[in-house]
Amino acid sequence: MKKTIYSTFLLLFVAFYGMAQTANVKVESGAPGAAPNFEWVETTHNFGDIPQGTPVTYEFEFVNSGQVPLIISNVRGSCGCTVADYSKEPVAPGEKGMVKATYNAKALGAFNKSIRVTANVEGGSEVLYIKGKVLNQ
């Protein structure tokens, strides 16, 4: 009797645990292209030569080319030297949004940094890049 109760409990635990680990992520749409989509003006920006200690900023612009609002949930630079800001409100279909990246330019030499943009787009995120060269002036 104890083995039957234990086996039943174990079976229920495994079944519920397995269901809890399944992610049901899907875009509610019937037409292709209905999901929100970034249409970037550019995904890489080259600052060129910049003087040391002078922070530089670039604003990446995009249009939501999907058919439902695009919602950015997180933007993170590849290191502490890059700070990012972004459109906090949902971006309606056909409307513009932005991701602003600021590089602190403290370290001398060439740099190539990435900014990961997490949103409700297919694939879950996209990556932007900034690069340039910090000169001692």
Protein backbone atom coordinates (compact mmCIF):
# COMPACT_ATOMS: atom_id res chain seq x y z
CA MET A 1 0.00 0.00 0.00
CA LYS A 2 2.80 2.43 0.88
CA LYS A 3 4.53 1.68 -2.44
CA THR A 4 1.31 2.47 -4.35
CA ILE A 5 0.81 5.79 -2.56
CA TYR A 6 4.48 6.70 -2.97
CA SER A 7 4.45 5.75 -6.68
CA THR A 8 1.28 7.78 -7.30
CA PHE A 9 2.75 10.80 -5.51
CA LEU A 10 6.01 10.51 -7.47
CA LEU A 11 4.14 10.19 -10.79
CA LEU A 12 2.04 13.30 -10.02
CA PHE A 13 5.12 15.25 -8.97
CA VAL A 14 6.98 14.40 -12.19
CA ALA A 15 3.93 15.26 -14.32
CA PHE A 16 3.40 18.65 -12.66
CA TYR A 17 7.11 19.45 -12.69
CA GLY A 18 7.30 18.68 -16.41
CA MET A 19 4.30 20.91 -17.14
CA ALA A 20 5.83 23.77 -15.14
CA GLN A 21 8.99 23.65 -17.25
CA THR A 22 7.19 23.98 -20.58
CA ALA A 23 7.10 27.50 -22.01
CA ASN A 24 4.11 28.22 -24.19
CA VAL A 25 5.32 31.27 -26.07
CA LYS A 26 3.50 32.11 -29.27
CA VAL A 27 2.37 35.16 -31.13
CA GLU A 28 -1.37 35.39 -31.46
CA SER A 29 -1.85 36.04 -35.14
CA GLY A 30 -3.17 34.46 -38.22
CA ALA A 31 -1.11 36.25 -40.83
CA PRO A 32 2.60 36.08 -41.59
CA GLY A 33 4.45 39.21 -40.50
CA ALA A 34 1.93 39.94 -37.75
CA ALA A 35 4.53 39.66 -34.98
CA PRO A 36 6.28 42.89 -33.98
CA ASN A 37 9.51 43.41 -35.87
CA PHE A 38 12.48 45.79 -35.64
CA GLU A 39 13.30 47.55 -38.89
CA TRP A 40 16.53 49.35 -37.94
CA VAL A 41 17.94 52.35 -39.80
CA GLU A 42 21.36 50.84 -38.96
CA THR A 43 22.57 48.16 -36.54
CA THR A 44 26.23 49.25 -36.32
CA HIS A 45 27.49 52.76 -35.65
CA ASN A 46 31.13 53.80 -36.01
CA PHE A 47 32.03 56.86 -33.91
CA GLY A 48 35.44 57.06 -35.61
CA ASP A 49 38.20 58.78 -33.61
CA ILE A 50 37.06 60.29 -30.30
CA PRO A 51 39.05 62.07 -27.57
CA GLN A 52 39.68 60.20 -24.33
CA GLY A 53 37.31 61.11 -21.50
CA THR A 54 34.59 62.48 -23.78
CA PRO A 55 31.47 60.27 -23.68
CA VAL A 56 29.78 59.72 -27.04
CA THR A 57 26.14 58.86 -27.70
CA TYR A 58 24.28 57.43 -30.67
CA GLU A 59 20.55 56.89 -31.04
CA PHE A 60 19.61 53.78 -33.02
CA GLU A 61 16.19 54.32 -34.63
CA PHE A 62 13.75 51.64 -35.71
CA VAL A 63 10.24 51.23 -37.07
CA ASN A 64 7.92 48.47 -35.89
CA SER A 65 7.17 46.76 -39.20
CA GLY A 66 4.91 44.16 -37.57
CA GLN A 67 1.17 44.29 -37.03
CA VAL A 68 1.10 44.36 -33.20
CA PRO A 69 2.81 46.69 -30.67
CA LEU A 70 6.53 46.10 -30.09
CA ILE A 71 7.55 46.11 -26.42
CA ILE A 72 11.20 46.39 -25.38
CA SER A 73 11.70 44.72 -22.01
CA ASN A 74 15.45 45.15 -21.53
CA VAL A 75 18.53 46.72 -23.12
CA ARG A 76 21.98 45.76 -21.87
CA GLY A 77 25.45 46.80 -22.96
CA SER A 78 28.26 44.24 -23.17
CA CYS A 79 30.20 46.01 -20.39
CA GLY A 80 29.90 48.74 -17.78
CA CYS A 81 31.45 51.26 -20.19
CA THR A 82 28.27 51.31 -22.29
CA VAL A 83 24.98 52.66 -20.93
CA ALA A 84 21.73 52.27 -22.85
CA ASP A 85 18.31 53.88 -22.79
CA TYR A 86 15.28 52.94 -24.89
CA SER A 87 11.65 53.58 -25.76
CA LYS A 88 9.77 52.47 -22.63
CA GLU A 89 6.24 52.65 -24.08
CA PRO A 90 4.96 50.04 -26.59
CA VAL A 91 5.78 51.04 -30.18
CA ALA A 92 2.67 50.74 -32.34
CA PRO A 93 2.84 49.16 -35.83
CA GLY A 94 4.38 51.63 -38.28
CA GLU A 95 5.66 53.90 -35.48
CA LYS A 96 9.27 54.77 -34.61
CA GLY A 97 11.21 53.91 -31.48
CA MET A 98 14.81 54.25 -30.34
CA VAL A 99 17.66 52.68 -28.42
CA LYS A 100 20.30 55.17 -27.23
CA ALA A 101 23.83 53.94 -26.46
CA THR A 102 26.45 56.00 -24.62
CA TYR A 103 30.11 54.92 -24.47
CA ASN A 104 32.23 56.51 -21.71
CA ALA A 105 35.50 56.64 -23.75
CA LYS A 106 37.83 56.27 -20.74
CA ALA A 107 40.04 53.48 -22.11
CA LEU A 108 42.48 54.27 -24.94
CA GLY A 109 42.38 52.29 -28.15
CA ALA A 110 39.85 50.70 -30.45
CA PHE A 111 36.56 49.46 -29.08
CA ASN A 112 33.74 47.33 -30.45
CA LYS A 113 30.80 46.96 -28.04
CA SER A 114 27.44 45.26 -28.34
CA ILE A 115 24.02 46.19 -27.01
CA ARG A 116 21.44 43.40 -26.66
CA VAL A 117 17.84 44.55 -27.11
CA THR A 118 15.27 42.14 -25.64
CA ALA A 119 11.71 42.53 -26.91
CA ASN A 120 8.61 40.61 -27.93
CA VAL A 121 10.02 39.99 -31.42
CA GLU A 122 10.62 36.64 -33.07
CA GLY A 123 13.82 35.24 -31.57
CA GLY A 124 13.42 37.36 -28.44
CA SER A 125 16.31 39.79 -28.98
CA GLU A 126 18.56 41.57 -31.44
CA VAL A 127 22.08 42.96 -31.10
CA LEU A 128 23.34 46.44 -32.00
CA TYR A 129 27.01 47.46 -32.22
CA ILE A 130 29.04 50.60 -31.56
CA LYS A 131 32.72 50.95 -32.43
CA GLY A 132 35.45 53.51 -32.74
CA LYS A 133 38.86 54.49 -31.45
CA VAL A 134 39.63 56.49 -28.31
CA LEU A 135 42.64 58.78 -28.77
CA ASN A 136 44.80 60.55 -26.18
CA GLN A 137 44.33 64.24 -27.00
